[in-house]
């Protein structure tokens, strides 16, 4: 639960601030996790929430996600949001085109795709997702025992392939992902903070990839982990369902 005394402390910071920077992870934070990535399009409540938040000129909103740029652009590109795709590999400012922050070829993907496809065949319900700068293997739809077993095998196999390279293997929430180790949410979050120069920062996320953001921002912001488990965040919410309620209470321009 989000303790009321903690809420009051944060609420006072929000009220006294004049330039706010709000970082929101997407899946598992703004929207509940879905069986397939394509089923997580923002619902009416989330669209309304983001529209109301962006209507306040004091708020600078960043959606910082592992999602690919095409999907984020399709769902949220028309709104006054800073969009960050693939954990920090690409960024889009309101009214602008996507900008890649790294330059890498395609040759690194071949072996990764081959191994992930092999495990997709072994693990019923799993599938691979290729992005521009990363590749993910999802096993949310597999049974717990089977998914857990093969994900550990795949994690080990990918760790061997990427050893000594510029690639990193992420063990996320029902997902194994390979990306460049120069990419993480912490680095891009610090870059945006430097650009905006806010007097209040709020960051919410649920996944292990969000820990990079929490660590980078913790000393100067309010960081909130969605769900249980060890975290670098200063506070926590027990479930994704509490996110909208919290944001409505903190930025109360919202009718009941």
Protein backbone atom coordinates (compact mmCIF):
# COMPACT_ATOMS: atom_id res chain seq x y z
CA UNK A 1 0.00 0.00 0.00
CA UNK A 2 0.99 3.59 -0.58
CA UNK A 3 1.07 5.02 2.97
CA UNK A 4 -0.88 8.24 3.46
CA UNK A 5 2.02 10.02 5.18
CA UNK A 6 4.23 9.25 2.15
CA UNK A 7 1.51 10.54 -0.14
CA UNK A 8 1.30 13.79 1.82
CA UNK A 9 5.05 14.34 1.55
CA UNK A 10 4.99 13.81 -2.22
CA UNK A 11 1.83 15.89 -2.60
CA UNK A 12 3.49 18.88 -0.96
CA UNK A 13 6.43 18.58 -3.35
CA UNK A 14 4.06 18.50 -6.32
CA UNK A 15 2.16 21.57 -5.12
CA UNK A 16 5.30 23.64 -4.58
CA UNK A 17 6.96 22.70 -7.89
CA UNK A 18 6.83 24.77 -11.08
CA UNK A 19 8.60 22.46 -13.55
CA UNK A 20 7.86 18.77 -13.11
CA UNK A 21 9.38 15.82 -14.94
CA UNK A 22 7.36 12.61 -14.76
CA UNK A 23 8.81 9.29 -15.99
CA UNK A 24 6.33 6.46 -16.59
CA UNK A 25 7.15 2.95 -17.71
CA UNK A 26 4.39 1.59 -19.96
CA UNK A 27 3.69 -2.16 -19.58
CA UNK A 28 2.97 -3.12 -15.98
CA UNK A 29 2.85 0.53 -14.92
CA UNK A 30 0.46 2.61 -17.02
CA UNK A 31 -1.15 -0.49 -18.52
CA UNK A 32 -1.47 -4.00 -17.08
CA UNK A 33 0.70 -6.72 -18.59
CA UNK A 34 -1.02 -8.59 -21.43
CA UNK A 35 -0.53 -12.05 -22.97
CA UNK A 36 0.83 -10.49 -26.16
CA UNK A 37 2.45 -7.05 -26.59
CA UNK A 38 -0.06 -6.05 -29.26
CA UNK A 39 -2.93 -6.36 -26.77
CA UNK A 40 -1.69 -3.54 -24.52
CA UNK A 41 -2.88 -0.51 -26.47
CA UNK A 42 -3.73 2.34 -24.06
CA UNK A 43 -7.32 2.28 -22.89
CA UNK A 44 -9.61 5.27 -22.56
CA UNK A 45 -8.66 5.85 -18.91
CA UNK A 46 -4.93 5.99 -19.67
CA UNK A 47 -5.43 8.30 -22.67
CA UNK A 48 -7.55 10.62 -20.55
CA UNK A 49 -5.02 10.53 -17.71
CA UNK A 50 -2.12 11.44 -20.01
CA UNK A 51 -4.17 14.12 -21.76
CA UNK A 52 -5.05 15.75 -18.45
CA UNK A 53 -1.46 15.57 -17.19
CA UNK A 54 -0.03 17.09 -20.38
CA UNK A 55 -2.61 19.91 -20.31
CA UNK A 56 -0.76 21.33 -17.29
CA UNK A 57 2.24 23.30 -18.57
CA UNK A 58 4.14 22.49 -15.37
CA UNK A 59 4.23 18.80 -16.33
CA UNK A 60 6.78 17.26 -18.70
CA UNK A 61 5.76 13.62 -19.30
CA UNK A 62 8.14 10.90 -20.44
CA UNK A 63 6.97 7.41 -21.44
CA UNK A 64 10.13 5.34 -21.00
CA UNK A 65 9.63 1.82 -22.27
CA UNK A 66 11.21 -1.28 -23.73
CA UNK A 67 8.60 -1.10 -26.48
CA UNK A 68 9.60 -0.55 -30.10
CA UNK A 69 9.33 2.95 -31.55
CA UNK A 70 6.69 2.07 -34.15
CA UNK A 71 4.24 0.84 -31.53
CA UNK A 72 4.80 3.73 -29.12
CA UNK A 73 4.49 6.19 -31.98
CA UNK A 74 1.25 4.63 -33.19
CA UNK A 75 -0.35 4.60 -29.75
CA UNK A 76 0.99 7.80 -28.19
CA UNK A 77 2.86 9.76 -30.85
CA UNK A 78 0.15 12.39 -31.35
CA UNK A 79 0.20 13.42 -27.68
CA UNK A 80 2.44 16.00 -26.00
CA UNK A 81 4.81 13.38 -24.64
CA UNK A 82 8.50 12.57 -24.74
CA UNK A 83 8.67 8.95 -25.89
CA UNK A 84 11.63 6.69 -25.19
CA UNK A 85 11.73 3.31 -26.95
CA UNK A 86 13.84 0.18 -26.47
CA UNK A 87 15.01 1.20 -22.98
CA UNK A 88 16.72 4.34 -24.27
CA UNK A 89 17.91 3.53 -27.79
CA UNK A 90 15.46 5.93 -29.47
CA UNK A 91 13.74 9.13 -28.40
CA UNK A 92 10.90 11.23 -29.81
CA UNK A 93 10.04 14.74 -28.66
CA UNK A 94 6.52 16.16 -29.15
CA UNK A 95 5.96 17.02 -32.80
CA UNK A 96 9.35 15.62 -33.85
CA UNK A 97 10.55 12.44 -35.54
CA UNK A 98 12.24 9.53 -33.80
CA UNK A 99 15.97 9.91 -33.18
CA UNK A 100 18.28 6.93 -32.65
CA UNK A 101 20.83 7.52 -29.89
CA UNK A 102 23.17 4.72 -30.99
CA UNK A 103 24.36 3.41 -34.33
CA UNK A 104 24.69 -0.35 -34.68
CA UNK A 105 24.45 -2.76 -37.59
CA UNK A 106 22.32 -5.86 -37.95
CA UNK A 107 25.03 -8.54 -38.00
CA UNK A 108 24.89 -9.13 -34.24
CA UNK A 109 21.30 -10.35 -34.40
CA UNK A 110 21.83 -13.57 -36.35
CA UNK A 111 23.09 -15.83 -33.56
CA UNK A 112 20.71 -14.33 -30.99
CA UNK A 113 17.67 -14.90 -33.21
CA UNK A 114 18.75 -18.46 -33.96
CA UNK A 115 19.02 -19.38 -30.27
CA UNK A 116 15.77 -17.66 -29.32
CA UNK A 117 13.91 -19.38 -32.14
CA UNK A 118 15.24 -22.73 -30.91
CA UNK A 119 13.83 -22.07 -27.44
CA UNK A 120 10.55 -20.82 -28.85
CA UNK A 121 10.22 -24.29 -30.38
CA UNK A 122 11.03 -25.97 -27.08
CA UNK A 123 8.83 -23.81 -24.84
CA UNK A 124 5.14 -23.85 -25.75
CA UNK A 125 3.57 -20.39 -25.50
CA UNK A 126 6.84 -18.48 -25.88
CA UNK A 127 7.78 -16.24 -28.80
CA UNK A 128 10.54 -13.93 -30.03
CA UNK A 129 10.17 -10.20 -30.73
CA UNK A 130 12.77 -8.46 -32.89
CA UNK A 131 13.22 -4.71 -32.45
CA UNK A 132 15.70 -2.30 -34.02
CA UNK A 133 18.32 -2.35 -31.26
CA UNK A 134 17.23 -5.31 -29.14
CA UNK A 135 15.65 -8.76 -29.33
CA UNK A 136 13.26 -10.17 -26.74
CA UNK A 137 12.01 -13.64 -25.87
CA UNK A 138 8.62 -13.62 -24.13
CA UNK A 139 7.41 -16.53 -22.02
CA UNK A 140 4.44 -15.03 -20.15
CA UNK A 141 2.07 -17.43 -21.91
CA UNK A 142 4.04 -20.56 -21.01
CA UNK A 143 3.23 -22.61 -17.92
CA UNK A 144 5.19 -21.50 -14.86
CA UNK A 145 7.32 -24.64 -14.63
CA UNK A 146 8.12 -24.89 -18.33
CA UNK A 147 8.71 -21.17 -18.76
CA UNK A 148 10.95 -20.95 -15.73
CA UNK A 149 13.00 -23.99 -16.80
CA UNK A 150 13.64 -22.94 -20.38
CA UNK A 151 14.14 -19.27 -19.53
CA UNK A 152 17.04 -20.26 -17.24
CA UNK A 153 18.52 -22.38 -20.02
CA UNK A 154 18.16 -19.59 -22.54
CA UNK A 155 19.61 -17.05 -20.14
CA UNK A 156 22.70 -19.22 -19.73
CA UNK A 157 23.06 -19.83 -23.47
CA UNK A 158 22.75 -16.14 -24.33
CA UNK A 159 25.18 -15.15 -21.60
CA UNK A 160 27.80 -17.40 -23.19
CA UNK A 161 27.18 -16.00 -26.68
CA UNK A 162 27.37 -12.38 -25.53
CA UNK A 163 30.35 -12.77 -23.17
CA UNK A 164 33.09 -10.30 -24.06
CA UNK A 165 30.85 -8.36 -26.47
CA UNK A 166 29.03 -5.04 -26.22
CA UNK A 167 25.75 -6.89 -25.68
CA UNK A 168 23.89 -7.39 -22.42
CA UNK A 169 21.31 -10.04 -21.47
CA UNK A 170 18.37 -8.78 -19.39
CA UNK A 171 16.37 -11.12 -17.19
CA UNK A 172 13.06 -9.26 -16.96
CA UNK A 173 9.48 -9.95 -15.94
CA UNK A 174 8.68 -13.07 -18.03
CA UNK A 175 11.05 -11.83 -20.71
CA UNK A 176 14.67 -12.41 -21.68
CA UNK A 177 16.08 -9.56 -23.75
CA UNK A 178 19.41 -8.86 -25.45
CA UNK A 179 20.45 -5.24 -25.96
CA UNK A 180 23.61 -3.15 -26.15
CA UNK A 181 25.09 -2.54 -22.72
CA UNK A 182 25.39 1.17 -23.48
CA UNK A 183 21.58 1.40 -23.46
CA UNK A 184 19.61 1.70 -20.24
CA UNK A 185 16.79 3.75 -18.79
CA UNK A 186 19.10 5.38 -16.26
CA UNK A 187 21.31 6.99 -18.87
CA UNK A 188 18.48 8.40 -20.96
CA UNK A 189 16.62 9.57 -17.84
CA UNK A 190 19.66 11.58 -16.69
CA UNK A 191 19.99 13.08 -20.17
CA UNK A 192 16.37 14.28 -20.13
CA UNK A 193 16.77 15.68 -16.60
CA UNK A 194 19.70 17.77 -17.85
CA UNK A 195 17.61 19.07 -20.74
CA UNK A 196 14.46 19.90 -18.72
CA UNK A 197 16.09 21.08 -15.45
CA UNK A 198 12.99 20.27 -13.35
CA UNK A 199 12.43 21.11 -9.70
CA UNK A 200 10.41 17.91 -9.14
CA UNK A 201 10.98 14.44 -10.59
CA UNK A 202 8.70 11.42 -10.31
CA UNK A 203 9.56 7.98 -11.75
CA UNK A 204 7.33 4.90 -11.79
CA UNK A 205 8.16 1.44 -13.10
CA UNK A 206 7.61 -2.24 -12.42
CA UNK A 207 10.39 -4.13 -14.19
CA UNK A 208 14.05 -4.85 -13.52
CA UNK A 209 14.97 -2.51 -16.36
CA UNK A 210 13.40 0.32 -14.36
CA UNK A 211 15.94 -0.24 -11.59
CA UNK A 212 18.55 1.55 -13.75
CA UNK A 213 16.24 4.57 -13.77
CA UNK A 214 15.59 4.39 -10.03
CA UNK A 215 19.32 4.21 -9.26
CA UNK A 216 20.14 7.11 -11.57
CA UNK A 217 17.41 9.36 -10.18
CA UNK A 218 17.01 8.27 -6.58
CA UNK A 219 19.00 11.04 -4.92
CA UNK A 220 16.96 13.81 -6.51
CA UNK A 221 13.51 12.37 -7.20
CA UNK A 222 10.52 10.38 -6.00
CA UNK A 223 10.94 6.82 -7.32
CA UNK A 224 8.16 4.26 -7.05
CA UNK A 225 8.30 0.53 -7.74
CA UNK A 226 5.08 -1.14 -8.89
CA UNK A 227 4.81 -4.59 -7.29
CA UNK A 228 6.87 -6.48 -4.76
CA UNK A 229 10.52 -7.46 -4.59
CA UNK A 230 13.84 -5.82 -3.86
CA UNK A 231 14.16 -2.38 -5.43
CA UNK A 232 16.26 0.75 -5.54
CA UNK A 233 13.07 2.83 -5.56
CA UNK A 234 12.24 4.93 -2.53
CA UNK A 235 8.59 3.87 -2.39
CA UNK A 236 6.33 1.14 -3.72
CA UNK A 237 2.77 0.44 -4.84
CA UNK A 238 1.41 -3.06 -4.42
CA UNK A 239 -0.19 -3.31 -7.87
CA UNK A 240 -0.56 -1.66 -11.26
CA UNK A 241 -4.18 -0.80 -10.46
CA UNK A 242 -3.01 1.75 -7.88
CA UNK A 243 -1.06 3.83 -10.40
CA UNK A 244 -3.97 5.75 -11.89
CA UNK A 245 -5.44 6.40 -8.45
CA UNK A 246 -2.12 7.76 -7.18
CA UNK A 247 -1.62 10.06 -10.17
CA UNK A 248 -5.17 11.39 -9.94
CA UNK A 249 -4.67 12.15 -6.24
CA UNK A 250 -1.28 13.80 -6.76
CA UNK A 251 -2.32 15.91 -9.74
CA UNK A 252 -5.95 16.41 -8.82
CA UNK A 253 -7.47 18.08 -11.82
CA UNK A 254 -9.64 15.03 -12.27
CA UNK A 255 -13.37 14.68 -11.53
CA UNK A 256 -14.47 11.45 -9.85
